[in-house]
Structures are given as C-alpha cells and as structure tokens.
C-alpha cells in the first residue's frame, strides 16, 4: 500500500505561481483589446466607461473602420492612474 501526503500550503503556492505565469503569458500575447475585452477587463459597462473616462484626451484608443481598439499596456497604465484619482 502506498500513502501520499501533501503539504496543502505548498500545493496552493505552486498552483498560484503556475496560474500567475499563465496569466502573464496570455496578457503578453495580446497587443490590443477591443471594446468587448475592455468591458470584460474593467468589469464596467460600456456606458460607465464612456461616462467616466472614454472621452478623456489621454485615454489611449484608436478607431479602425468602425471598431475601437485599445493598446493593452497603455490602457492598463491609464486605468491604474485613473483609479488612483478616484
């Protein structure tokens, strides 16, 4: 008979590290968010985004055809600064 004992804290730590690595990898693969992704990442509705910061001149956005795109790193930087003001 084989008995296996696991240190739950160590398993949790390892899992969290792997999840964080995966999130960083996925984030680094995206160059732009579209409007749907911006709504998802901020947990805000589009109307809230438009009311709160969309029209601020330093909010990074580009319209290509009829669709808005947001450079990921610039958008994250903007959002972190924006939330500190509020």
N, C-alpha and C. Protein backbone atom coordinates (compact mmCIF):
# COMPACT_ATOMS: atom_id res chain seq x y z
N UNK A 1 0.85 -1.18 0.00
CA UNK A 1 0.00 0.00 0.00
C UNK A 1 0.90 1.25 0.00
N UNK A 2 0.52 2.22 -0.79
CA UNK A 2 1.27 3.48 -0.88
C UNK A 2 0.44 4.58 -0.23
N UNK A 3 1.13 5.38 0.57
CA UNK A 3 0.46 6.52 1.21
C UNK A 3 1.17 7.79 0.77
N UNK A 4 0.40 8.76 0.31
CA UNK A 4 0.96 10.03 -0.16
C UNK A 4 0.44 11.15 0.73
N UNK A 5 1.35 11.97 1.19
CA UNK A 5 0.96 13.12 2.00
C UNK A 5 1.41 14.39 1.25
N UNK A 6 0.53 15.35 1.22
CA UNK A 6 0.82 16.61 0.53
C UNK A 6 0.72 17.76 1.50
N UNK A 7 1.63 18.69 1.34
CA UNK A 7 1.57 19.92 2.10
C UNK A 7 0.62 20.86 1.36
N UNK A 8 -0.57 21.08 1.90
CA UNK A 8 -1.59 21.86 1.21
C UNK A 8 -1.12 23.28 0.90
N UNK A 9 -0.37 23.88 1.79
CA UNK A 9 0.12 25.25 1.56
C UNK A 9 1.09 25.27 0.38
N UNK A 10 1.94 24.27 0.29
CA UNK A 10 2.90 24.20 -0.81
C UNK A 10 2.19 23.96 -2.14
N UNK A 11 1.21 23.09 -2.14
CA UNK A 11 0.43 22.82 -3.35
C UNK A 11 -0.28 24.09 -3.80
N UNK A 12 -0.87 24.80 -2.86
CA UNK A 12 -1.56 26.06 -3.17
C UNK A 12 -0.59 27.08 -3.75
N UNK A 13 0.58 27.22 -3.14
CA UNK A 13 1.59 28.15 -3.62
C UNK A 13 2.02 27.81 -5.04
N UNK A 14 2.28 26.55 -5.30
CA UNK A 14 2.68 26.11 -6.64
C UNK A 14 1.58 26.37 -7.67
N UNK A 15 0.35 26.10 -7.30
CA UNK A 15 -0.78 26.34 -8.22
C UNK A 15 -0.92 27.83 -8.53
N UNK A 16 -0.83 28.67 -7.52
CA UNK A 16 -0.95 30.11 -7.73
C UNK A 16 0.18 30.64 -8.61
N UNK A 17 1.39 30.12 -8.43
CA UNK A 17 2.52 30.53 -9.27
C UNK A 17 2.27 30.15 -10.73
N UNK A 18 1.78 28.95 -10.97
CA UNK A 18 1.52 28.49 -12.34
C UNK A 18 0.39 29.32 -12.98
N UNK A 19 -0.63 29.62 -12.21
CA UNK A 19 -1.74 30.44 -12.72
C UNK A 19 -1.23 31.82 -13.09
N UNK A 20 -0.42 32.41 -12.22
CA UNK A 20 0.13 33.74 -12.49
C UNK A 20 1.00 33.73 -13.75
N UNK A 21 1.82 32.70 -13.91
CA UNK A 21 2.65 32.57 -15.12
C UNK A 21 1.77 32.51 -16.37
N UNK A 22 0.71 31.74 -16.30
CA UNK A 22 -0.19 31.60 -17.44
C UNK A 22 -0.88 32.92 -17.76
N UNK A 23 -1.34 33.63 -16.76
CA UNK A 23 -2.00 34.93 -16.96
C UNK A 23 -1.04 35.91 -17.61
N UNK A 24 0.20 35.96 -17.13
CA UNK A 24 1.19 36.85 -17.73
C UNK A 24 1.44 36.50 -19.19
N UNK A 25 1.49 35.21 -19.48
CA UNK A 25 1.71 34.78 -20.85
C UNK A 25 0.55 35.21 -21.75
N UNK A 26 -0.66 34.98 -21.29
CA UNK A 26 -1.84 35.36 -22.07
C UNK A 26 -1.88 36.87 -22.26
N UNK A 27 -1.62 37.63 -21.20
CA UNK A 27 -1.61 39.09 -21.30
C UNK A 27 -0.55 39.58 -22.26
N UNK A 28 0.61 38.95 -22.25
CA UNK A 28 1.69 39.41 -23.11
C UNK A 28 1.43 39.10 -24.58
N UNK A 29 0.54 38.14 -24.85
CA UNK A 29 0.22 37.78 -26.21
C UNK A 29 -0.76 38.77 -26.85
N UNK A 30 -1.52 39.49 -26.05
CA UNK A 30 -2.49 40.44 -26.58
C UNK A 30 -1.84 41.81 -26.74
N UNK A 31 -1.97 42.37 -27.92
CA UNK A 31 -1.47 43.72 -28.17
C UNK A 31 -2.57 44.76 -28.00
N UNK A 32 -3.78 44.37 -28.39
CA UNK A 32 -4.92 45.28 -28.33
C UNK A 32 -6.11 44.61 -27.68
N UNK A 33 -6.93 45.43 -27.03
CA UNK A 33 -8.24 44.98 -26.60
C UNK A 33 -9.24 45.64 -27.52
N UNK A 34 -10.34 44.96 -27.77
CA UNK A 34 -11.46 45.62 -28.43
C UNK A 34 -12.42 46.09 -27.32
N UNK A 35 -13.52 46.68 -27.69
CA UNK A 35 -14.46 47.22 -26.70
C UNK A 35 -14.98 46.12 -25.78
N UNK A 36 -15.29 44.97 -26.34
CA UNK A 36 -15.80 43.86 -25.54
C UNK A 36 -14.78 43.43 -24.48
N UNK A 37 -13.51 43.37 -24.86
CA UNK A 37 -12.46 42.98 -23.92
C UNK A 37 -12.23 44.06 -22.86
N UNK A 38 -12.32 45.33 -23.26
CA UNK A 38 -12.18 46.44 -22.30
C UNK A 38 -13.28 46.36 -21.24
N UNK A 39 -14.50 46.10 -21.67
CA UNK A 39 -15.62 45.95 -20.74
C UNK A 39 -15.35 44.79 -19.79
N UNK A 40 -14.89 43.68 -20.33
CA UNK A 40 -14.60 42.49 -19.52
C UNK A 40 -13.48 42.76 -18.51
N UNK A 41 -12.38 43.37 -18.97
CA UNK A 41 -11.21 43.58 -18.11
C UNK A 41 -11.45 44.60 -17.00
N UNK A 42 -12.31 45.57 -17.26
CA UNK A 42 -12.56 46.61 -16.25
C UNK A 42 -13.74 46.28 -15.35
N UNK A 43 -14.53 45.28 -15.75
CA UNK A 43 -15.76 44.94 -15.01
C UNK A 43 -16.70 46.15 -14.95
N UNK A 44 -16.72 46.93 -16.03
CA UNK A 44 -17.59 48.09 -16.14
C UNK A 44 -18.44 47.94 -17.40
N UNK A 45 -19.61 48.53 -17.38
CA UNK A 45 -20.42 48.54 -18.60
C UNK A 45 -19.84 49.57 -19.56
N UNK A 46 -20.19 49.44 -20.83
CA UNK A 46 -19.70 50.40 -21.81
C UNK A 46 -20.18 51.81 -21.49
N UNK A 47 -21.41 51.94 -21.03
CA UNK A 47 -21.91 53.29 -20.70
C UNK A 47 -21.13 53.90 -19.53
N UNK A 48 -20.73 53.10 -18.56
CA UNK A 48 -19.91 53.61 -17.44
C UNK A 48 -18.54 54.02 -17.94
N UNK A 49 -17.94 53.20 -18.79
CA UNK A 49 -16.64 53.53 -19.37
C UNK A 49 -16.72 54.86 -20.13
N UNK A 50 -17.76 55.00 -20.94
CA UNK A 50 -17.91 56.23 -21.71
C UNK A 50 -18.13 57.42 -20.80
N UNK A 51 -18.90 57.27 -19.77
CA UNK A 51 -19.18 58.37 -18.84
C UNK A 51 -17.95 58.75 -18.02
N UNK A 52 -17.17 57.76 -17.60
CA UNK A 52 -16.07 58.01 -16.66
C UNK A 52 -14.76 58.43 -17.31
N UNK A 53 -14.35 57.78 -18.41
CA UNK A 53 -13.01 58.10 -18.92
C UNK A 53 -12.81 57.97 -20.42
N UNK A 54 -13.75 57.41 -21.15
CA UNK A 54 -13.53 57.14 -22.57
C UNK A 54 -13.15 58.40 -23.36
N UNK A 55 -13.77 59.51 -23.02
CA UNK A 55 -13.55 60.74 -23.78
C UNK A 55 -12.42 61.61 -23.22
N UNK A 56 -11.72 61.13 -22.19
CA UNK A 56 -10.56 61.87 -21.71
C UNK A 56 -9.49 61.84 -22.78
N UNK A 57 -8.84 62.99 -23.04
CA UNK A 57 -7.88 63.06 -24.15
C UNK A 57 -6.69 62.11 -24.02
N UNK A 58 -6.30 61.75 -22.79
CA UNK A 58 -5.14 60.87 -22.63
C UNK A 58 -5.51 59.39 -22.57
N UNK A 59 -6.80 59.07 -22.74
CA UNK A 59 -7.19 57.66 -22.78
C UNK A 59 -6.80 57.09 -24.15
N UNK A 60 -5.95 56.05 -24.17
CA UNK A 60 -5.42 55.53 -25.44
C UNK A 60 -6.45 54.70 -26.21
N UNK A 61 -6.84 55.18 -27.36
CA UNK A 61 -7.81 54.46 -28.18
C UNK A 61 -7.58 54.81 -29.64
N UNK A 62 -7.89 53.86 -30.51
CA UNK A 62 -7.78 54.07 -31.94
C UNK A 62 -9.00 53.45 -32.60
N UNK A 63 -9.58 54.17 -33.52
CA UNK A 63 -10.72 53.63 -34.25
C UNK A 63 -10.24 53.18 -35.62
N UNK A 64 -10.45 51.91 -35.92
CA UNK A 64 -10.07 51.32 -37.20
C UNK A 64 -11.35 50.82 -37.84
N UNK A 65 -11.70 51.44 -38.95
CA UNK A 65 -13.00 51.13 -39.54
C UNK A 65 -14.07 51.60 -38.57
N UNK A 66 -14.94 50.73 -38.18
CA UNK A 66 -15.99 51.08 -37.22
C UNK A 66 -15.74 50.53 -35.84
N UNK A 67 -14.54 50.03 -35.60
CA UNK A 67 -14.26 49.34 -34.34
C UNK A 67 -13.15 50.05 -33.56
N UNK A 68 -13.34 50.16 -32.23
CA UNK A 68 -12.34 50.76 -31.36
C UNK A 68 -11.35 49.70 -30.88
N UNK A 69 -10.08 50.10 -30.83
CA UNK A 69 -9.01 49.25 -30.29
C UNK A 69 -8.24 50.03 -29.22
N UNK A 70 -7.78 49.30 -28.22
CA UNK A 70 -7.09 49.90 -27.09
C UNK A 70 -5.76 49.17 -26.88
N UNK A 71 -4.62 49.87 -27.03
CA UNK A 71 -3.33 49.21 -26.79
C UNK A 71 -3.27 48.73 -25.33
N UNK A 72 -2.99 47.46 -25.14
CA UNK A 72 -3.12 46.82 -23.82
C UNK A 72 -2.29 47.53 -22.74
N UNK A 73 -0.99 47.66 -22.96
CA UNK A 73 -0.14 48.20 -21.89
C UNK A 73 -0.47 49.66 -21.59
N UNK A 74 -0.68 50.46 -22.62
CA UNK A 74 -1.03 51.87 -22.40
C UNK A 74 -2.38 51.99 -21.69
N UNK A 75 -3.31 51.14 -22.05
CA UNK A 75 -4.63 51.17 -21.43
C UNK A 75 -4.54 50.78 -19.96
N UNK A 76 -3.77 49.74 -19.66
CA UNK A 76 -3.59 49.33 -18.26
C UNK A 76 -2.97 50.47 -17.45
N UNK A 77 -1.93 51.10 -18.01
CA UNK A 77 -1.27 52.22 -17.31
C UNK A 77 -2.26 53.34 -17.04
N UNK A 78 -3.05 53.69 -18.06
CA UNK A 78 -4.05 54.74 -17.90
C UNK A 78 -5.04 54.38 -16.80
N UNK A 79 -5.56 53.16 -16.84
CA UNK A 79 -6.57 52.74 -15.87
C UNK A 79 -6.05 52.76 -14.44
N UNK A 80 -4.81 52.36 -14.25
CA UNK A 80 -4.22 52.40 -12.90
C UNK A 80 -4.11 53.83 -12.40
N UNK A 81 -3.72 54.76 -13.26
CA UNK A 81 -3.64 56.17 -12.88
C UNK A 81 -5.04 56.73 -12.63
N UNK A 82 -5.97 56.35 -13.49
CA UNK A 82 -7.35 56.85 -13.37
C UNK A 82 -7.97 56.42 -12.04
N UNK A 83 -7.80 55.16 -11.68
CA UNK A 83 -8.43 54.67 -10.45
C UNK A 83 -7.81 55.31 -9.21
N UNK A 84 -6.55 55.68 -9.28
CA UNK A 84 -5.91 56.35 -8.14
C UNK A 84 -6.52 57.73 -7.89
N UNK A 85 -7.00 58.37 -8.93
CA UNK A 85 -7.62 59.70 -8.81
C UNK A 85 -8.99 59.62 -8.16
N UNK A 86 -9.61 58.44 -8.20
CA UNK A 86 -10.99 58.31 -7.72
C UNK A 86 -11.11 57.58 -6.44
